């Protein structure tokens, strides 16, 4: 299963949070990044992102959707 690592934690806007992820590559030639952002109004998402720490690793469910 693919994994992503937290590589950046930033402030987004006045009160939001932005988390940058990087794919832990199976092939060193691959570089894939992903960013998620949330404001406090979206409590579930905001709390999830605020609970992350730099270099935490997360599994990715690779489910085909189309």
N, C-alpha and C. Protein backbone atom coordinates (compact mmCIF):
# COMPACT_ATOMS: atom_id res chain seq x y z
N UNK A 1 0.84 -1.18 0.00
CA UNK A 1 0.00 0.00 0.00
C UNK A 1 0.89 1.24 0.00
N UNK A 2 0.48 2.23 -0.74
CA UNK A 2 1.23 3.49 -0.80
C UNK A 2 1.10 4.24 0.51
N UNK A 3 2.12 5.04 0.81
CA UNK A 3 2.10 5.85 2.02
C UNK A 3 2.50 7.28 1.68
N UNK A 4 1.95 8.21 2.44
CA UNK A 4 2.31 9.62 2.30
C UNK A 4 2.91 10.08 3.62
N UNK A 5 3.87 11.00 3.52
CA UNK A 5 4.53 11.56 4.70
C UNK A 5 4.22 13.05 4.77
N UNK A 6 3.94 13.55 5.97
CA UNK A 6 3.72 14.98 6.18
C UNK A 6 5.06 15.69 6.04
N UNK A 7 5.15 16.64 5.10
CA UNK A 7 6.41 17.35 4.88
C UNK A 7 6.31 18.84 5.17
N UNK A 8 5.09 19.35 5.37
CA UNK A 8 4.96 20.77 5.73
C UNK A 8 3.65 21.01 6.47
N UNK A 9 3.72 21.90 7.44
CA UNK A 9 2.55 22.34 8.19
C UNK A 9 2.59 23.85 8.16
N UNK A 10 1.54 24.47 7.61
CA UNK A 10 1.54 25.92 7.44
C UNK A 10 0.21 26.51 7.88
N UNK A 11 0.27 27.78 8.15
CA UNK A 11 -0.94 28.55 8.41
C UNK A 11 -1.58 28.85 7.05
N UNK A 12 -2.90 28.78 6.99
CA UNK A 12 -3.61 29.05 5.75
C UNK A 12 -4.66 30.12 6.05
N UNK A 13 -4.49 31.28 5.46
CA UNK A 13 -5.39 32.39 5.76
C UNK A 13 -5.18 32.86 7.18
N UNK A 14 -6.24 33.39 7.77
CA UNK A 14 -6.11 33.94 9.12
C UNK A 14 -6.08 32.86 10.20
N UNK A 15 -6.93 31.84 10.08
CA UNK A 15 -7.02 30.83 11.14
C UNK A 15 -6.89 29.40 10.63
N UNK A 16 -6.71 29.21 9.33
CA UNK A 16 -6.69 27.87 8.75
C UNK A 16 -5.35 27.17 8.87
N UNK A 17 -5.36 25.92 8.46
CA UNK A 17 -4.15 25.10 8.46
C UNK A 17 -4.00 24.47 7.08
N UNK A 18 -2.75 24.34 6.64
CA UNK A 18 -2.43 23.70 5.37
C UNK A 18 -1.37 22.64 5.64
N UNK A 19 -1.62 21.42 5.18
CA UNK A 19 -0.68 20.32 5.39
C UNK A 19 -0.23 19.81 4.02
N UNK A 20 1.08 19.72 3.84
CA UNK A 20 1.65 19.20 2.60
C UNK A 20 2.15 17.77 2.81
N UNK A 21 1.80 16.90 1.89
CA UNK A 21 2.21 15.50 1.94
C UNK A 21 3.10 15.19 0.74
N UNK A 22 3.94 14.18 0.90
CA UNK A 22 4.77 13.69 -0.21
C UNK A 22 4.67 12.17 -0.22
N UNK A 23 4.51 11.60 -1.40
CA UNK A 23 4.46 10.15 -1.53
C UNK A 23 5.79 9.56 -1.12
N UNK A 24 5.76 8.51 -0.30
CA UNK A 24 6.98 7.78 0.00
C UNK A 24 7.19 6.87 -1.20
N UNK A 25 8.16 7.20 -2.05
CA UNK A 25 8.23 6.56 -3.36
C UNK A 25 8.68 5.10 -3.33
N UNK A 26 8.00 4.32 -4.14
CA UNK A 26 8.44 2.96 -4.40
C UNK A 26 9.58 3.03 -5.41
N UNK A 27 9.47 3.95 -6.34
CA UNK A 27 10.49 4.21 -7.36
C UNK A 27 11.07 5.59 -7.08
N UNK A 28 12.40 5.71 -6.87
CA UNK A 28 13.00 7.00 -6.54
C UNK A 28 12.81 8.08 -7.61
N UNK A 29 12.38 7.70 -8.82
CA UNK A 29 12.16 8.69 -9.88
C UNK A 29 10.80 9.37 -9.75
N UNK A 30 9.94 8.85 -8.89
CA UNK A 30 8.61 9.41 -8.72
C UNK A 30 8.61 10.49 -7.64
N UNK A 31 7.92 11.56 -7.89
CA UNK A 31 7.73 12.62 -6.89
C UNK A 31 6.28 13.07 -6.97
N UNK A 32 5.52 12.71 -5.96
CA UNK A 32 4.11 13.06 -5.92
C UNK A 32 3.83 13.81 -4.63
N UNK A 33 3.17 14.96 -4.74
CA UNK A 33 2.81 15.74 -3.56
C UNK A 33 1.30 15.93 -3.51
N UNK A 34 0.81 16.23 -2.33
CA UNK A 34 -0.62 16.43 -2.12
C UNK A 34 -0.77 17.45 -0.99
N UNK A 35 -1.72 18.35 -1.11
CA UNK A 35 -1.95 19.37 -0.09
C UNK A 35 -3.40 19.34 0.36
N UNK A 36 -3.61 19.45 1.66
CA UNK A 36 -4.95 19.56 2.22
C UNK A 36 -5.02 20.82 3.07
N UNK A 37 -6.17 21.50 3.02
CA UNK A 37 -6.37 22.72 3.78
C UNK A 37 -7.73 22.67 4.47
N UNK A 38 -7.82 23.32 5.62
CA UNK A 38 -9.10 23.39 6.33
C UNK A 38 -9.15 24.62 7.22
N UNK A 39 -10.35 25.13 7.38
CA UNK A 39 -10.62 26.24 8.29
C UNK A 39 -11.34 25.70 9.53
N UNK A 40 -11.30 26.42 10.64
CA UNK A 40 -11.95 25.94 11.87
C UNK A 40 -13.45 25.65 11.72
N UNK A 41 -14.11 26.28 10.75
CA UNK A 41 -15.54 26.02 10.54
C UNK A 41 -15.81 24.56 10.15
N UNK A 42 -14.85 23.93 9.51
CA UNK A 42 -14.96 22.51 9.13
C UNK A 42 -14.27 21.70 10.23
N UNK A 43 -14.92 21.59 11.39
CA UNK A 43 -14.30 21.08 12.60
C UNK A 43 -13.63 19.71 12.45
N UNK A 44 -14.31 18.75 11.84
CA UNK A 44 -13.74 17.41 11.73
C UNK A 44 -12.45 17.43 10.93
N UNK A 45 -12.49 18.06 9.77
CA UNK A 45 -11.30 18.13 8.91
C UNK A 45 -10.20 18.97 9.56
N UNK A 46 -10.57 20.09 10.16
CA UNK A 46 -9.59 20.96 10.81
C UNK A 46 -8.90 20.23 11.96
N UNK A 47 -9.67 19.55 12.80
CA UNK A 47 -9.08 18.81 13.93
C UNK A 47 -8.16 17.70 13.44
N UNK A 48 -8.56 17.02 12.36
CA UNK A 48 -7.72 15.94 11.81
C UNK A 48 -6.37 16.49 11.35
N UNK A 49 -6.40 17.60 10.62
CA UNK A 49 -5.15 18.18 10.13
C UNK A 49 -4.31 18.77 11.26
N UNK A 50 -4.96 19.38 12.25
CA UNK A 50 -4.23 19.96 13.37
C UNK A 50 -3.54 18.89 14.22
N UNK A 51 -4.04 17.67 14.18
CA UNK A 51 -3.45 16.58 14.94
C UNK A 51 -2.23 15.96 14.30
N UNK A 52 -1.90 16.37 13.09
CA UNK A 52 -0.75 15.80 12.38
C UNK A 52 0.54 16.48 12.81
N UNK A 53 1.62 15.70 12.75
CA UNK A 53 2.94 16.22 13.08
C UNK A 53 3.86 16.00 11.88
N UNK A 54 4.87 16.82 11.79
CA UNK A 54 5.84 16.71 10.70
C UNK A 54 6.44 15.31 10.68
N UNK A 55 6.50 14.73 9.51
CA UNK A 55 7.05 13.40 9.23
C UNK A 55 6.15 12.24 9.67
N UNK A 56 4.91 12.52 10.12
CA UNK A 56 3.95 11.44 10.32
C UNK A 56 3.72 10.77 8.98
N UNK A 57 3.43 9.47 8.99
CA UNK A 57 3.16 8.73 7.75
C UNK A 57 1.75 8.16 7.79
N UNK A 58 1.09 8.20 6.62
CA UNK A 58 -0.29 7.74 6.51
C UNK A 58 -0.44 6.82 5.31
N UNK A 59 -1.24 5.75 5.48
CA UNK A 59 -1.56 4.85 4.38
C UNK A 59 -2.54 5.54 3.44
N UNK A 60 -2.49 5.14 2.19
CA UNK A 60 -3.43 5.63 1.19
C UNK A 60 -4.17 4.43 0.64
N UNK A 61 -5.49 4.49 0.67
CA UNK A 61 -6.29 3.43 0.07
C UNK A 61 -6.40 3.71 -1.41
N UNK A 62 -5.80 2.88 -2.22
CA UNK A 62 -5.83 3.08 -3.66
C UNK A 62 -7.03 2.41 -4.28
N UNK A 63 -8.19 3.01 -4.14
CA UNK A 63 -9.43 2.44 -4.66
C UNK A 63 -9.78 3.13 -5.97
N UNK A 64 -9.97 2.35 -7.02
CA UNK A 64 -10.36 2.91 -8.31
C UNK A 64 -11.78 3.44 -8.22
N UNK A 65 -11.96 4.68 -8.69
CA UNK A 65 -13.28 5.30 -8.60
C UNK A 65 -13.98 5.46 -9.94
N UNK A 66 -13.28 5.31 -11.05
CA UNK A 66 -13.93 5.40 -12.36
C UNK A 66 -13.45 4.28 -13.26
